[in-house]
Protein backbone atom coordinates (compact mmCIF):
# COMPACT_ATOMS: atom_id res chain seq x y z
CA MET A 1 -18.51 -15.62 -17.65
CA GLU A 2 -15.13 -15.04 -16.01
CA ILE A 3 -14.53 -13.90 -12.45
CA ARG A 4 -12.42 -11.00 -13.68
CA SER A 5 -15.45 -9.65 -15.58
CA LEU A 6 -17.34 -9.46 -12.29
CA ARG A 7 -14.39 -7.68 -10.70
CA HIS A 8 -14.52 -5.11 -13.48
CA PHE A 9 -18.28 -4.70 -12.98
CA VAL A 10 -17.93 -4.16 -9.21
CA ALA A 11 -14.98 -1.76 -9.57
CA LEU A 12 -16.94 0.43 -11.99
CA ALA A 13 -20.03 0.26 -9.77
CA ASP A 14 -17.95 1.44 -6.81
CA THR A 15 -16.43 4.40 -8.66
CA LEU A 16 -18.84 5.21 -11.50
CA ASN A 17 -15.76 6.40 -13.33
CA PHE A 18 -14.03 4.39 -16.05
CA ARG A 19 -10.66 6.06 -15.53
CA ILE A 20 -10.54 5.57 -11.75
CA ALA A 21 -11.86 2.01 -11.97
CA GLY A 22 -9.29 1.23 -14.66
CA GLU A 23 -6.47 2.52 -12.45
CA ARG A 24 -7.63 0.30 -9.59
CA LEU A 25 -7.73 -2.70 -11.89
CA HIS A 26 -4.47 -1.84 -13.71
CA LEU A 27 -6.43 -1.61 -16.97
CA THR A 28 -6.57 1.10 -19.59
CA GLN A 29 -9.87 2.90 -19.89
CA PRO A 30 -10.59 1.43 -23.37
CA ALA A 31 -9.85 -2.09 -22.10
CA LEU A 32 -12.30 -1.66 -19.21
CA THR A 33 -14.92 -0.21 -21.55
CA ARG A 34 -14.61 -3.26 -23.80
CA SER A 35 -14.80 -5.62 -20.82
CA ILE A 36 -18.00 -4.06 -19.48
CA ALA A 37 -19.59 -4.03 -22.94
CA ALA A 38 -18.71 -7.71 -23.43
CA LEU A 39 -20.21 -8.60 -20.04
CA GLU A 40 -23.41 -6.74 -20.89
CA ARG A 41 -23.66 -8.61 -24.21
CA GLU A 42 -23.08 -11.93 -22.47
CA LEU A 43 -25.72 -11.23 -19.81
CA GLY A 44 -28.18 -9.56 -22.15
CA VAL A 45 -28.54 -6.73 -19.63
CA THR A 46 -27.43 -3.10 -19.62
CA LEU A 47 -25.53 -2.54 -16.38
CA PHE A 48 -24.59 1.12 -16.76
CA ASN A 49 -25.93 4.24 -18.38
CA ARG A 50 -23.24 6.26 -20.18
CA SER A 51 -23.69 9.90 -21.07
CA THR A 52 -21.66 13.07 -21.41
CA ARG A 53 -22.55 13.79 -17.78
CA GLY A 54 -20.97 10.59 -16.52
CA VAL A 55 -21.77 6.99 -15.62
CA SER A 56 -24.70 5.72 -13.56
CA MET A 57 -26.04 2.27 -12.77
CA THR A 58 -29.18 0.97 -14.35
CA THR A 59 -31.91 -0.61 -12.24
CA ASP A 60 -30.86 -4.02 -13.57
CA GLY A 61 -27.24 -3.31 -12.73
CA ALA A 62 -28.10 -2.33 -9.17
CA GLN A 63 -30.09 -5.54 -8.70
CA LEU A 64 -27.19 -7.67 -9.91
CA LEU A 65 -24.48 -5.84 -7.98
CA GLN A 66 -24.98 -7.59 -4.63
CA ARG A 67 -25.05 -10.99 -6.33
CA ALA A 68 -21.77 -10.11 -8.06
CA ARG A 69 -20.23 -9.11 -4.72
CA GLY A 70 -21.37 -12.40 -3.20
CA MET A 71 -19.84 -14.39 -6.04
CA LEU A 72 -16.54 -12.55 -5.71
CA THR A 73 -16.49 -13.14 -1.96
CA ALA A 74 -17.09 -16.84 -2.52
CA ALA A 75 -14.35 -16.95 -5.16
CA ASP A 76 -11.90 -15.21 -2.81
CA GLU A 77 -12.75 -17.62 0.00
CA PHE A 78 -12.22 -20.56 -2.35
CA THR A 79 -8.85 -19.18 -3.48
CA TYR A 80 -7.74 -18.55 0.09
CA ALA A 81 -8.73 -22.08 1.12
CA ALA A 82 -6.62 -23.46 -1.72
CA HIS A 83 -3.68 -21.23 -0.81
CA ALA A 84 -3.95 -22.29 2.82
CA LEU A 85 -3.88 -25.98 1.90
CA SER A 86 -0.83 -25.44 -0.29
CA ALA A 87 0.85 -23.13 2.22
CA ALA A 88 0.72 -25.89 4.82
CA THR A 89 3.22 -27.84 2.72
CA ASP A 90 5.67 -24.93 2.36
CA ARG A 91 8.61 -25.18 4.73
CA GLN A 92 9.71 -21.55 4.80
CA LEU A 93 8.44 -18.05 4.14
CA ARG A 94 10.88 -15.17 3.65
CA VAL A 95 9.46 -11.81 4.68
CA GLY A 96 11.16 -8.55 3.71
CA MET A 97 10.61 -5.83 6.31
CA TYR A 98 10.83 -2.34 4.83
CA GLY A 99 11.23 0.10 7.70
CA ASN A 100 8.83 -0.68 10.51
CA GLY A 101 6.63 -2.71 8.19
CA LEU A 102 3.08 -2.65 9.51
CA ALA A 103 3.94 -0.75 12.70
CA GLU A 104 2.12 -2.26 15.70
CA LEU A 105 0.34 -4.77 13.45
CA THR A 106 3.59 -6.43 12.34
CA HIS A 107 3.80 -8.87 15.26
CA PRO A 108 0.08 -9.79 15.38
CA VAL A 109 0.14 -10.62 11.66
CA LEU A 110 3.25 -12.80 11.88
CA ARG A 111 1.97 -14.43 15.07
CA ALA A 112 -1.31 -15.33 13.35
CA PHE A 113 0.61 -16.96 10.51
CA ARG A 114 2.82 -18.96 12.88
CA GLU A 115 -0.25 -20.20 14.76
CA GLN A 116 -2.01 -21.34 11.58
CA PHE A 117 1.08 -22.74 9.84
CA PRO A 118 3.43 -23.93 12.61
CA ALA A 119 5.46 -26.14 10.26
CA THR A 120 6.50 -23.18 8.11
CA ALA A 121 9.71 -21.42 9.18
CA VAL A 122 9.26 -17.66 8.97
CA GLN A 123 12.42 -15.73 8.13
CA VAL A 124 12.15 -11.96 8.62
CA ARG A 125 14.81 -9.88 6.92
CA ASP A 126 15.39 -6.13 7.24
CA ALA A 127 15.18 -4.64 3.77
CA ASP A 128 17.74 -2.21 2.38
CA PHE A 129 15.87 0.64 0.68
CA ALA A 130 18.79 1.04 -1.73
CA ARG A 131 17.86 -2.30 -3.33
CA GLY A 132 14.31 -1.16 -3.99
CA ILE A 133 11.90 -4.00 -4.77
CA GLU A 134 14.53 -6.12 -6.55
CA PRO A 135 14.63 -8.73 -3.73
CA LEU A 136 10.89 -9.29 -4.18
CA LEU A 137 11.14 -9.71 -7.93
CA SER A 138 14.22 -11.95 -7.77
CA GLY A 139 12.71 -14.33 -5.22
CA GLU A 140 14.96 -13.34 -2.31
CA TYR A 141 11.79 -12.33 -0.44
CA ASP A 142 8.50 -14.17 -0.85
CA ILE A 143 6.50 -11.24 0.51
CA ALA A 144 7.21 -7.82 1.98
CA PHE A 145 5.70 -5.50 4.55
CA LEU A 146 6.07 -2.00 3.19
CA ARG A 147 4.56 1.41 2.53
CA ALA A 148 2.96 1.50 -0.89
CA PRO A 149 2.08 5.05 -1.95
CA VAL A 150 1.60 3.85 -5.54
CA ASP A 151 0.57 0.39 -6.75
CA LEU A 152 2.95 -1.28 -9.21
CA PRO A 153 1.78 -3.80 -11.84
CA GLU A 154 4.65 -6.20 -11.09
CA LEU A 155 3.49 -6.54 -7.48
CA ARG A 156 0.24 -7.75 -6.00
CA THR A 157 -0.27 -5.11 -3.31
CA ILE A 158 -2.87 -5.39 -0.54
CA ARG A 159 -3.32 -2.19 1.43
CA LEU A 160 -4.15 -2.76 5.09
CA PHE A 161 -4.39 0.70 6.60
CA SER A 162 -3.35 4.31 6.16
CA GLU A 163 -1.69 6.63 8.65
CA PRO A 164 -0.70 10.32 8.65
CA LEU A 165 2.78 11.62 7.88
CA ASP A 166 5.20 13.53 10.10
CA LEU A 167 7.80 16.12 9.26
CA LEU A 168 11.04 14.96 10.90
CA LEU A 169 13.07 18.00 11.94
CA TRP A 170 16.36 18.69 13.70
CA GLU A 171 16.70 20.56 16.98
CA GLY A 172 16.48 24.27 16.38
CA HIS A 173 14.41 24.01 13.21
CA ARG A 174 11.97 26.91 13.00
CA LEU A 175 8.94 24.55 12.98
CA VAL A 176 9.88 22.54 16.08
CA GLY A 177 7.17 23.02 18.68
CA GLU A 178 4.39 23.55 16.14
CA GLU A 179 1.43 21.20 16.46
CA SER A 180 1.26 20.75 12.69
CA ALA A 181 2.64 22.27 9.51
CA GLU A 182 2.27 22.15 5.74
CA VAL A 183 4.80 20.02 3.92
CA SER A 184 5.44 22.98 1.62
CA GLU A 185 6.95 24.84 4.60
CA ILE A 186 10.07 22.67 4.32
CA PHE A 187 10.34 22.65 0.53
CA ASP A 188 13.31 25.05 0.71
CA ASP A 189 15.14 22.83 3.22
CA ALA A 190 17.71 20.22 2.28
CA TRP A 191 15.94 16.84 2.43
CA VAL A 192 16.88 13.32 3.40
CA THR A 193 14.90 10.80 1.42
CA LEU A 194 14.95 7.21 0.18
CA PRO A 195 17.50 6.16 -2.48
CA PRO A 196 16.70 6.73 -6.17
CA SER A 197 16.74 2.95 -6.71
CA ILE A 198 13.21 2.67 -5.28
CA PRO A 199 10.44 2.81 -7.92
CA SER A 200 10.25 6.31 -9.41
CA ALA A 201 6.57 6.66 -8.55
CA TRP A 202 7.37 5.99 -4.89
CA SER A 203 10.23 8.47 -4.94
CA ALA A 204 7.94 11.15 -6.37
CA PHE A 205 5.44 10.45 -3.58
CA TRP A 206 7.94 10.83 -0.73
CA LEU A 207 9.35 14.03 -2.23
CA PHE A 208 5.89 15.53 -2.90
CA ALA A 209 6.93 16.11 -6.51
CA ASP A 210 3.39 16.97 -7.58
CA GLN A 211 3.28 19.91 -5.16
CA ARG A 212 6.58 21.55 -6.07
CA ALA A 213 5.40 23.30 -9.25
CA GLY A 214 8.18 21.71 -11.25
CA ALA A 215 10.96 22.76 -8.87
CA SER A 216 13.52 20.09 -8.01
CA PRO A 217 13.99 19.17 -4.34
CA ARG A 218 17.30 19.85 -2.64
CA ILE A 219 18.57 16.40 -1.58
CA GLY A 220 21.11 16.35 1.23
CA ALA A 221 21.30 12.58 1.75
CA PHE A 222 19.78 9.26 0.77
CA ALA A 223 18.94 6.85 3.62
CA ARG A 224 19.10 3.07 3.25
CA THR A 225 17.19 2.50 6.52
CA GLU A 226 14.89 4.46 8.81
CA GLY A 227 17.75 4.62 11.33
CA GLU A 228 19.96 6.32 8.75
CA PHE A 229 17.08 8.64 7.93
CA SER A 230 16.70 9.82 11.53
CA ALA A 231 20.47 10.16 11.98
CA ALA A 232 20.68 12.37 8.90
CA VAL A 233 17.97 14.61 10.34
CA ALA A 234 19.63 14.84 13.76
CA TYR A 235 23.27 15.25 12.79
CA ARG A 236 23.22 16.72 9.28
CA ARG A 237 20.32 19.10 9.91
CA LEU A 238 18.21 17.74 7.08
CA SER A 239 14.42 17.56 6.88
CA GLY A 240 12.19 14.75 5.69
CA VAL A 241 8.80 13.06 5.81
CA LEU A 242 7.93 9.60 7.12
CA PRO A 243 4.85 7.82 8.57
CA THR A 244 3.94 8.90 12.10
CA SER A 245 4.64 5.44 13.51
CA VAL A 246 8.36 5.72 12.68
CA HIS A 247 9.20 8.33 15.29
CA ARG A 248 6.59 6.97 17.70
CA LEU A 249 8.11 3.48 17.74
CA ARG A 250 11.77 4.43 17.30
CA PRO A 251 12.36 7.98 18.59
CA HIS A 252 15.83 9.32 17.84
CA PRO A 253 17.68 11.87 20.00
CA GLY A 254 17.71 15.26 18.36
CA VAL A 255 14.79 14.49 16.03
CA HIS A 256 11.43 16.20 16.44
CA ALA A 257 8.21 15.14 14.72
CA VAL A 258 5.58 17.61 13.55
CA ARG A 259 2.32 16.31 12.07
CA THR A 260 1.66 17.26 8.47
CA ARG A 261 -1.54 19.01 7.47
CA GLY A 262 -3.52 17.79 4.51
CA THR A 263 -4.90 14.53 3.18
CA VAL A 264 -1.73 12.77 2.00
CA MET A 265 -1.40 9.47 3.87
CA SER A 266 1.07 6.59 4.00
CA HIS A 267 -0.44 3.22 3.04
CA ALA A 268 0.80 0.18 4.96
CA ALA A 269 0.62 -2.90 2.78
CA VAL A 270 1.78 -6.41 2.10
CA ALA A 271 3.10 -7.09 -1.38
CA TYR A 272 4.30 -10.12 -3.31
CA PRO A 273 5.08 -10.76 -7.00
CA SER A 274 2.09 -10.70 -9.33
CA SER A 275 3.24 -13.95 -10.90
CA GLY A 276 5.20 -16.90 -9.62
CA PHE A 277 4.33 -16.21 -5.98
CA THR A 278 4.31 -18.89 -3.30
CA PRO A 279 0.99 -19.99 -1.76
CA ALA A 280 2.37 -19.16 1.69
CA ALA A 281 2.79 -15.52 0.64
CA ALA A 282 -0.83 -15.33 -0.49
CA ALA A 283 -1.96 -17.00 2.75
CA LEU A 284 -0.01 -14.49 4.84
CA ALA A 285 -1.55 -11.62 2.88
CA GLU A 286 -5.07 -12.94 3.58
CA LEU A 287 -4.28 -13.32 7.28
CA ALA A 288 -2.93 -9.76 7.33
CA VAL A 289 -6.28 -8.51 6.03
CA GLU A 290 -8.10 -10.41 8.78
CA VAL A 291 -5.81 -9.11 11.52
CA ALA A 292 -6.09 -5.52 10.28
CA ALA A 293 -9.88 -5.79 10.34
CA THR A 294 -9.91 -6.75 14.04
CA GLN A 295 -6.80 -5.16 15.55
CA LEU A 296 -6.31 -1.87 13.73
CA HIS A 297 -6.85 -0.06 17.03
CA LEU A 298 -3.28 -1.04 17.93
CA VAL A 299 -1.93 1.53 15.44
CA ALA A 300 -2.50 5.10 16.62
CA ASP A 301 -4.34 7.34 14.13
CA ALA A 302 -4.62 4.52 11.59
CA ARG A 303 -7.54 4.43 9.16
CA PRO A 304 -8.88 1.36 7.35
CA ALA A 305 -7.68 0.99 3.79
CA GLU A 306 -10.13 2.09 1.13
CA PRO A 307 -11.67 -0.78 -0.84
CA ARG A 308 -9.86 -1.49 -4.11
């Protein structure tokens, strides 16, 4: 029995939906169906009931679920211990910082890594949004702190927390002074957004493409950094959407933030290549999870990441 089979079992148990579980695991629905069926044959136990009404756990499946979770926890702890041993021999770790990274958790996470691995030189580099995730895939960065609205198969992405979004508006905008507003209220405005070189799924997220009923957004400028983003709002009278921590940590003259209504959130995450990654990157990601679990209160309005 392989560990990945247990991960498939737990993911389906958590969602009771083959499509959603498959998306979390980056598997097609047929592939997940085959994996679960193979595991049931190997164990000689039916784990799930399938019917036209949906998926439910069997009594046997429910009894085995906690044992599966315990085995996965032990496997993760074993992997982390191995990564930590290997990371101690690495001499540098290059961290790409997209925007404000993890907001108020950025320093605690990097400090925790420096304390555990003092011999490893940490190089933090401000990322240029115009280069997208190319520096991660090419090896220029070992790991990145970023906002990951959509998971990408080429990256191993660990979500740490979610936070609300703000409308960033120029002085004199009709919505300035409102406590909150719908994103759709600025759909007719000219927008500043991130360059088209970022992954297309991310671009669609930041432009709320799924809420525009097929209408194309009016783009007034592309911003390579959050500073350029705020300047475009203030001096070119453009509108845009960013995580709430951006304006809180780096307020810009002439820019006003209005909280968005709705359930769309920005996900703060660490990400590193799915293959060929350095052990130090994996060790930093594990430490980031630990820090987020104990110090999330440092980020205003943040919510714990949903289990994946």
